[in-house]
Amino acid sequence: MIEKPVYIITFNSSNSSLWLYKLLKDNRLDVYLFQTPCILSAGCSRSIEVSEKEFDKAVKIIKENNAPIGEIYK
């Protein structure tokens, strides 16, 4: 099995994570909403996982909508 890199987007609020998740899904991106690993953030308990293939599209949507995110990890 070959593992492919993913990007994890963290947030400062649960509302922001849910809003962006819906926005990305509405744009037909293959993303996952999951519990943030505590090593990455002690704040919001939700993160979005984006595949490397979808990452550029996700960043474009984030910028176009001025989405409030925390950090992005690879």
PDB file of N, CA and C in Angstrom:
ATOM      1  N   MET A   1       0.841  -1.184   0.000  1.00  0.00           N
ATOM      2  CA  MET A   1       0.000   0.000   0.000  1.00  0.00           C
ATOM      3  C   MET A   1       0.882   1.242   0.000  1.00  0.00           C
ATOM      4  N   ILE A   2       0.610   2.139  -0.920  1.00  0.00           N
ATOM      5  CA  ILE A   2       1.360   3.384  -1.023  1.00  0.00           C
ATOM      6  C   ILE A   2       0.574   4.481  -0.316  1.00  0.00           C
ATOM      7  N   GLU A   3       1.236   5.136   0.631  1.00  0.00           N
ATOM      8  CA  GLU A   3       0.591   6.235   1.331  1.00  0.00           C
ATOM      9  C   GLU A   3       0.877   7.538   0.599  1.00  0.00           C
ATOM     10  N   LYS A   4      -0.146   8.320   0.404  1.00  0.00           N
ATOM     11  CA  LYS A   4       0.005   9.606  -0.270  1.00  0.00           C
ATOM     12  C   LYS A   4      -0.124  10.714   0.760  1.00  0.00           C
ATOM     13  N   PRO A   5       0.631  11.790   0.581  1.00  0.00           N
ATOM     14  CA  PRO A   5       0.560  12.909   1.545  1.00  0.00           C
ATOM     15  C   PRO A   5      -0.825  13.538   1.578  1.00  0.00           C
ATOM     16  N   VAL A   6      -1.196  13.994   2.755  1.00  0.00           N
ATOM     17  CA  VAL A   6      -2.445  14.732   2.930  1.00  0.00           C
ATOM     18  C   VAL A   6      -2.132  16.032   3.666  1.00  0.00           C
ATOM     19  N   TYR A   7      -3.034  16.962   3.571  1.00  0.00           N
ATOM     20  CA  TYR A   7      -2.930  18.226   4.279  1.00  0.00           C
ATOM     21  C   TYR A   7      -4.029  18.273   5.320  1.00  0.00           C
ATOM     22  N   ILE A   8      -3.694  18.797   6.492  1.00  0.00           N
ATOM     23  CA  ILE A   8      -4.655  18.941   7.578  1.00  0.00           C
ATOM     24  C   ILE A   8      -4.828  20.426   7.866  1.00  0.00           C
ATOM     25  N   ILE A   9      -6.066  20.884   7.786  1.00  0.00           N
ATOM     26  CA  ILE A   9      -6.396  22.284   8.057  1.00  0.00           C
ATOM     27  C   ILE A   9      -7.038  22.341   9.435  1.00  0.00           C
ATOM     28  N   THR A  10      -6.445  23.134  10.332  1.00  0.00           N
ATOM     29  CA  THR A  10      -7.008  23.302  11.671  1.00  0.00           C
ATOM     30  C   THR A  10      -7.738  24.641  11.748  1.00  0.00           C
ATOM     31  N   PHE A  11      -8.535  24.790  12.796  1.00  0.00           N
ATOM     32  CA  PHE A  11      -9.382  25.978  12.945  1.00  0.00           C
ATOM     33  C   PHE A  11      -9.362  26.477  14.374  1.00  0.00           C
ATOM     34  N   ASN A  12      -9.796  27.721  14.535  1.00  0.00           N
ATOM     35  CA  ASN A  12      -9.930  28.316  15.864  1.00  0.00           C
ATOM     36  C   ASN A  12     -11.352  28.205  16.389  1.00  0.00           C
ATOM     37  N   SER A  13     -12.285  27.801  15.521  1.00  0.00           N
ATOM     38  CA  SER A  13     -13.670  27.631  15.978  1.00  0.00           C
ATOM     39  C   SER A  13     -14.338  26.485  15.230  1.00  0.00           C
ATOM     40  N   SER A  14     -15.261  25.838  15.908  1.00  0.00           N
ATOM     41  CA  SER A  14     -16.017  24.740  15.291  1.00  0.00           C
ATOM     42  C   SER A  14     -16.870  25.236  14.134  1.00  0.00           C
ATOM     43  N   ASN A  15     -17.442  26.422  14.292  1.00  0.00           N
ATOM     44  CA  ASN A  15     -18.279  26.971  13.225  1.00  0.00           C
ATOM     45  C   ASN A  15     -17.490  27.166  11.939  1.00  0.00           C
ATOM     46  N   SER A  16     -16.257  27.640  12.053  1.00  0.00           N
ATOM     47  CA  SER A  16     -15.413  27.848  10.871  1.00  0.00           C
ATOM     48  C   SER A  16     -15.121  26.527  10.173  1.00  0.00           C
ATOM     49  N   SER A  17     -14.850  25.494  10.949  1.00  0.00           N
ATOM     50  CA  SER A  17     -14.534  24.197  10.348  1.00  0.00           C
ATOM     51  C   SER A  17     -15.753  23.626   9.621  1.00  0.00           C
ATOM     52  N   LEU A  18     -16.916  23.737  10.218  1.00  0.00           N
ATOM     53  CA  LEU A  18     -18.127  23.220   9.582  1.00  0.00           C
ATOM     54  C   LEU A  18     -18.485  24.015   8.331  1.00  0.00           C
ATOM     55  N   TRP A  19     -18.329  25.332   8.406  1.00  0.00           N
ATOM     56  CA  TRP A  19     -18.636  26.191   7.258  1.00  0.00           C
ATOM     57  C   TRP A  19     -17.719  25.862   6.074  1.00  0.00           C
ATOM     58  N   LEU A  20     -16.413  25.750   6.329  1.00  0.00           N
ATOM     59  CA  LEU A  20     -15.485  25.463   5.235  1.00  0.00           C
ATOM     60  C   LEU A  20     -15.690  24.050   4.711  1.00  0.00           C
ATOM     61  N   TYR A  21     -15.956  23.105   5.578  1.00  0.00           N
ATOM     62  CA  TYR A  21     -16.208  21.740   5.139  1.00  0.00           C
ATOM     63  C   TYR A  21     -17.384  21.707   4.159  1.00  0.00           C
ATOM     64  N   LYS A  22     -18.460  22.376   4.515  1.00  0.00           N
ATOM     65  CA  LYS A  22     -19.627  22.423   3.625  1.00  0.00           C
ATOM     66  C   LYS A  22     -19.274  23.105   2.306  1.00  0.00           C
ATOM     67  N   LEU A  23     -18.534  24.192   2.380  1.00  0.00           N
ATOM     68  CA  LEU A  23     -18.134  24.916   1.178  1.00  0.00           C
ATOM     69  C   LEU A  23     -17.283  24.029   0.262  1.00  0.00           C
ATOM     70  N   LEU A  24     -16.336  23.317   0.814  1.00  0.00           N
ATOM     71  CA  LEU A  24     -15.482  22.436   0.013  1.00  0.00           C
ATOM     72  C   LEU A  24     -16.292  21.279  -0.576  1.00  0.00           C
ATOM     73  N   LYS A  25     -17.195  20.699   0.212  1.00  0.00           N
ATOM     74  CA  LYS A  25     -18.037  19.613  -0.301  1.00  0.00           C
ATOM     75  C   LYS A  25     -18.966  20.108  -1.399  1.00  0.00           C
ATOM     76  N   ASP A  26     -19.507  21.323  -1.242  1.00  0.00           N
ATOM     77  CA  ASP A  26     -20.376  21.906  -2.267  1.00  0.00           C
ATOM     78  C   ASP A  26     -19.622  22.109  -3.580  1.00  0.00           C
ATOM     79  N   ASN A  27     -18.306  22.276  -3.480  1.00  0.00           N
ATOM     80  CA  ASN A  27     -17.460  22.417  -4.669  1.00  0.00           C
ATOM     81  C   ASN A  27     -16.900  21.070  -5.122  1.00  0.00           C
ATOM     82  N   ARG A  28     -17.477  20.004  -4.606  1.00  0.00           N
ATOM     83  CA  ARG A  28     -17.167  18.626  -5.004  1.00  0.00           C
ATOM     84  C   ARG A  28     -15.733  18.188  -4.727  1.00  0.00           C
ATOM     85  N   LEU A  29     -15.138  18.727  -3.652  1.00  0.00           N
ATOM     86  CA  LEU A  29     -13.825  18.269  -3.241  1.00  0.00           C
ATOM     87  C   LEU A  29     -13.977  17.067  -2.323  1.00  0.00           C
ATOM     88  N   ASP A  30     -13.045  16.154  -2.421  1.00  0.00           N
ATOM     89  CA  ASP A  30     -13.045  14.943  -1.598  1.00  0.00           C
ATOM     90  C   ASP A  30     -12.273  15.249  -0.319  1.00  0.00           C
ATOM     91  N   VAL A  31     -12.986  15.715   0.707  1.00  0.00           N
ATOM     92  CA  VAL A  31     -12.373  16.111   1.978  1.00  0.00           C
ATOM     93  C   VAL A  31     -13.049  15.358   3.122  1.00  0.00           C
ATOM     94  N   TYR A  32     -12.341  15.298   4.258  1.00  0.00           N
ATOM     95  CA  TYR A  32     -12.868  14.614   5.434  1.00  0.00           C
ATOM     96  C   TYR A  32     -12.800  15.529   6.645  1.00  0.00           C
ATOM     97  N   LEU A  33     -13.847  15.516   7.435  1.00  0.00           N
ATOM     98  CA  LEU A  33     -13.896  16.255   8.692  1.00  0.00           C
ATOM     99  C   LEU A  33     -13.600  15.248   9.800  1.00  0.00           C
ATOM    100  N   PHE A  34     -12.643  15.552  10.662  1.00  0.00           N
ATOM    101  CA  PHE A  34     -12.285  14.610  11.718  1.00  0.00           C
ATOM    102  C   PHE A  34     -11.799  15.350  12.954  1.00  0.00           C
ATOM    103  N   GLN A  35     -11.632  14.612  14.034  1.00  0.00           N
ATOM    104  CA  GLN A  35     -11.179  15.199  15.296  1.00  0.00           C
ATOM    105  C   GLN A  35      -9.703  15.569  15.179  1.00  0.00           C
ATOM    106  N   THR A  36      -9.381  16.794  15.564  1.00  0.00           N
ATOM    107  CA  THR A  36      -8.003  17.285  15.485  1.00  0.00           C
ATOM    108  C   THR A  36      -7.110  16.540  16.474  1.00  0.00           C
ATOM    109  N   PRO A  37      -5.970  16.039  16.001  1.00  0.00           N
ATOM    110  CA  PRO A  37      -5.014  15.438  16.943  1.00  0.00           C
ATOM    111  C   PRO A  37      -4.534  16.505  17.933  1.00  0.00           C
ATOM    112  N   CYS A  38      -4.513  16.179  19.212  1.00  0.00           N
ATOM    113  CA  CYS A  38      -4.177  17.183  20.229  1.00  0.00           C
ATOM    114  C   CYS A  38      -2.742  17.693  20.081  1.00  0.00           C
ATOM    115  N   ILE A  39      -1.897  16.969  19.392  1.00  0.00           N
ATOM    116  CA  ILE A  39      -0.529  17.438  19.169  1.00  0.00           C
ATOM    117  C   ILE A  39      -0.496  18.637  18.206  1.00  0.00           C
ATOM    118  N   LEU A  40      -1.530  18.771  17.381  1.00  0.00           N
ATOM    119  CA  LEU A  40      -1.584  19.882  16.422  1.00  0.00           C
ATOM    120  C   LEU A  40      -2.258  21.118  16.978  1.00  0.00           C
ATOM    121  N   SER A  41      -3.335  20.935  17.748  1.00  0.00           N
ATOM    122  CA  SER A  41      -4.090  22.091  18.220  1.00  0.00           C
ATOM    123  C   SER A  41      -4.868  21.743  19.477  1.00  0.00           C
ATOM    124  N   ALA A  42      -4.818  22.634  20.429  1.00  0.00           N
ATOM    125  CA  ALA A  42      -5.598  22.448  21.653  1.00  0.00           C
ATOM    126  C   ALA A  42      -6.922  23.198  21.572  1.00  0.00           C
ATOM    127  N   GLY A  43      -7.141  23.900  20.469  1.00  0.00           N
ATOM    128  CA  GLY A  43      -8.353  24.701  20.310  1.00  0.00           C
ATOM    129  C   GLY A  43      -9.518  23.881  19.799  1.00  0.00           C
ATOM    130  N   CYS A  44      -9.982  24.210  18.647  1.00  0.00           N
ATOM    131  CA  CYS A  44     -11.125  23.554  18.030  1.00  0.00           C
ATOM    132  C   CYS A  44     -10.848  22.061  17.865  1.00  0.00           C
ATOM    133  N   SER A  45     -11.867  21.274  18.045  1.00  0.00           N
ATOM    134  CA  SER A  45     -11.668  19.833  17.985  1.00  0.00           C
ATOM    135  C   SER A  45     -11.900  19.246  16.598  1.00  0.00           C
ATOM    136  N   ARG A  46     -12.069  20.073  15.585  1.00  0.00           N
ATOM    137  CA  ARG A  46     -12.299  19.576  14.229  1.00  0.00           C
ATOM    138  C   ARG A  46     -11.256  20.099  13.264  1.00  0.00           C
ATOM    139  N   SER A  47     -10.873  19.226  12.338  1.00  0.00           N
ATOM    140  CA  SER A  47      -9.954  19.585  11.261  1.00  0.00           C
ATOM    141  C   SER A  47     -10.503  19.020   9.963  1.00  0.00           C
ATOM    142  N   ILE A  48      -9.957  19.516   8.874  1.00  0.00           N
ATOM    143  CA  ILE A  48     -10.322  19.001   7.558  1.00  0.00           C
ATOM    144  C   ILE A  48      -9.076  18.403   6.921  1.00  0.00           C
ATOM    145  N   GLU A  49      -9.237  17.194   6.397  1.00  0.00           N
ATOM    146  CA  GLU A  49      -8.152  16.530   5.672  1.00  0.00           C
ATOM    147  C   GLU A  49      -8.401  16.704   4.180  1.00  0.00           C
ATOM    148  N   VAL A  50      -7.353  17.146   3.479  1.00  0.00           N
ATOM    149  CA  VAL A  50      -7.432  17.366   2.040  1.00  0.00           C
ATOM    150  C   VAL A  50      -6.301  16.585   1.389  1.00  0.00           C
ATOM    151  N   SER A  51      -6.604  15.856   0.338  1.00  0.00           N
ATOM    152  CA  SER A  51      -5.565  15.111  -0.363  1.00  0.00           C
ATOM    153  C   SER A  51      -4.647  16.077  -1.114  1.00  0.00           C
ATOM    154  N   GLU A  52      -3.475  15.600  -1.427  1.00  0.00           N
ATOM    155  CA  GLU A  52      -2.521  16.423  -2.173  1.00  0.00           C
ATOM    156  C   GLU A  52      -3.100  16.808  -3.532  1.00  0.00           C
ATOM    157  N   LYS A  53      -3.866  15.909  -4.124  1.00  0.00           N
ATOM    158  CA  LYS A  53      -4.488  16.149  -5.426  1.00  0.00           C
ATOM    159  C   LYS A  53      -5.492  17.298  -5.374  1.00  0.00           C
ATOM    160  N   GLU A  54      -6.205  17.451  -4.257  1.00  0.00           N
ATOM    161  CA  GLU A  54      -7.246  18.472  -4.113  1.00  0.00           C
ATOM    162  C   GLU A  54      -6.756  19.747  -3.432  1.00  0.00           C
ATOM    163  N   PHE A  55      -5.519  19.750  -2.959  1.00  0.00           N
ATOM    164  CA  PHE A  55      -5.036  20.840  -2.120  1.00  0.00           C
ATOM    165  C   PHE A  55      -5.093  22.206  -2.808  1.00  0.00           C
ATOM    166  N   ASP A  56      -4.622  22.313  -4.041  1.00  0.00           N
ATOM    167  CA  ASP A  56      -4.624  23.615  -4.731  1.00  0.00           C
ATOM    168  C   ASP A  56      -6.034  24.160  -4.902  1.00  0.00           C
ATOM    169  N   LYS A  57      -6.991  23.286  -5.201  1.00  0.00           N
ATOM    170  CA  LYS A  57      -8.387  23.719  -5.322  1.00  0.00           C
ATOM    171  C   LYS A  57      -8.906  24.229  -3.979  1.00  0.00           C
ATOM    172  N   ALA A  58      -8.564  23.515  -2.909  1.00  0.00           N
ATOM    173  CA  ALA A  58      -9.020  23.917  -1.573  1.00  0.00           C
ATOM    174  C   ALA A  58      -8.452  25.279  -1.189  1.00  0.00           C
ATOM    175  N   VAL A  59      -7.173  25.496  -1.450  1.00  0.00           N
ATOM    176  CA  VAL A  59      -6.540  26.781  -1.119  1.00  0.00           C
ATOM    177  C   VAL A  59      -7.202  27.910  -1.899  1.00  0.00           C
ATOM    178  N   LYS A  60      -7.503  27.660  -3.157  1.00  0.00           N
ATOM    179  CA  LYS A  60      -8.178  28.683  -3.978  1.00  0.00           C
ATOM    180  C   LYS A  60      -9.533  29.057  -3.375  1.00  0.00           C
ATOM    181  N   ILE A  61     -10.297  28.057  -2.948  1.00  0.00           N
ATOM    182  CA  ILE A  61     -11.611  28.301  -2.344  1.00  0.00           C
ATOM    183  C   ILE A  61     -11.465  29.037  -1.013  1.00  0.00           C
ATOM    184  N   ILE A  62     -10.471  28.652  -0.226  1.00  0.00           N
ATOM    185  CA  ILE A  62     -10.218  29.322   1.056  1.00  0.00           C
ATOM    186  C   ILE A  62      -9.924  30.803   0.829  1.00  0.00           C
ATOM    187  N   LYS A  63      -9.058  31.098  -0.134  1.00  0.00           N
ATOM    188  CA  LYS A  63      -8.689  32.493  -0.409  1.00  0.00           C
ATOM    189  C   LYS A  63      -9.857  33.286  -0.984  1.00  0.00           C
ATOM    190  N   GLU A  64     -10.577  32.693  -1.924  1.00  0.00           N
ATOM    191  CA  GLU A  64     -11.711  33.389  -2.553  1.00  0.00           C
ATOM    192  C   GLU A  64     -12.801  33.758  -1.551  1.00  0.00           C
ATOM    193  N   ASN A  65     -12.956  32.939  -0.516  1.00  0.00           N
ATOM    194  CA  ASN A  65     -14.014  33.156   0.469  1.00  0.00           C
ATOM    195  C   ASN A  65     -13.503  33.723   1.781  1.00  0.00           C
ATOM    196  N   ASN A  66     -12.207  34.069   1.805  1.00  0.00           N
ATOM    197  CA  ASN A  66     -11.589  34.625   3.014  1.00  0.00           C
ATOM    198  C   ASN A  66     -11.945  33.770   4.242  1.00  0.00           C
ATOM    199  N   ALA A  67     -11.799  32.458   4.074  1.00  0.00           N
ATOM    200  CA  ALA A  67     -12.175  31.515   5.131  1.00  0.00           C
ATOM    201  C   ALA A  67     -11.215  31.608   6.316  1.00  0.00           C
ATOM    202  N   PRO A  68     -11.752  31.694   7.520  1.00  0.00           N
ATOM    203  CA  PRO A  68     -10.903  31.784   8.716  1.00  0.00           C
ATOM    204  C   PRO A  68     -10.383  30.405   9.129  1.00  0.00           C
ATOM    205  N   ILE A  69      -9.101  30.168   8.859  1.00  0.00           N
ATOM    206  CA  ILE A  69      -8.495  28.899   9.235  1.00  0.00           C
ATOM    207  C   ILE A  69      -7.401  29.154  10.266  1.00  0.00           C
ATOM    208  N   GLY A  70      -6.961  28.092  10.913  1.00  0.00           N
ATOM    209  CA  GLY A  70      -5.848  28.191  11.859  1.00  0.00           C
ATOM    210  C   GLY A  70      -4.538  27.963  11.115  1.00  0.00           C
ATOM    211  N   GLU A  71      -4.129  26.709  11.021  1.00  0.00           N
ATOM    212  CA  GLU A  71      -2.875  26.326  10.366  1.00  0.00           C
ATOM    213  C   GLU A  71      -3.158  25.234   9.342  1.00  0.00           C
ATOM    214  N   ILE A  72      -2.188  25.043   8.433  1.00  0.00           N
ATOM    215  CA  ILE A  72      -2.229  23.931   7.491  1.00  0.00           C
ATOM    216  C   ILE A  72      -0.970  23.107   7.703  1.00  0.00           C
ATOM    217  N   TYR A  73      -1.153  21.810   7.897  1.00  0.00           N
ATOM    218  CA  TYR A  73      -0.040  20.888   8.113  1.00  0.00           C
ATOM    219  C   TYR A  73      -0.015  19.862   6.991  1.00  0.00           C
ATOM    220  N   LYS A  74       1.199  19.447   6.618  1.00  0.00           N
ATOM    221  CA  LYS A  74       1.339  18.393   5.609  1.00  0.00           C
ATOM    222  C   LYS A  74       1.743  17.117   6.302  1.00  0.00           C
TER     223      LYS A  74
END
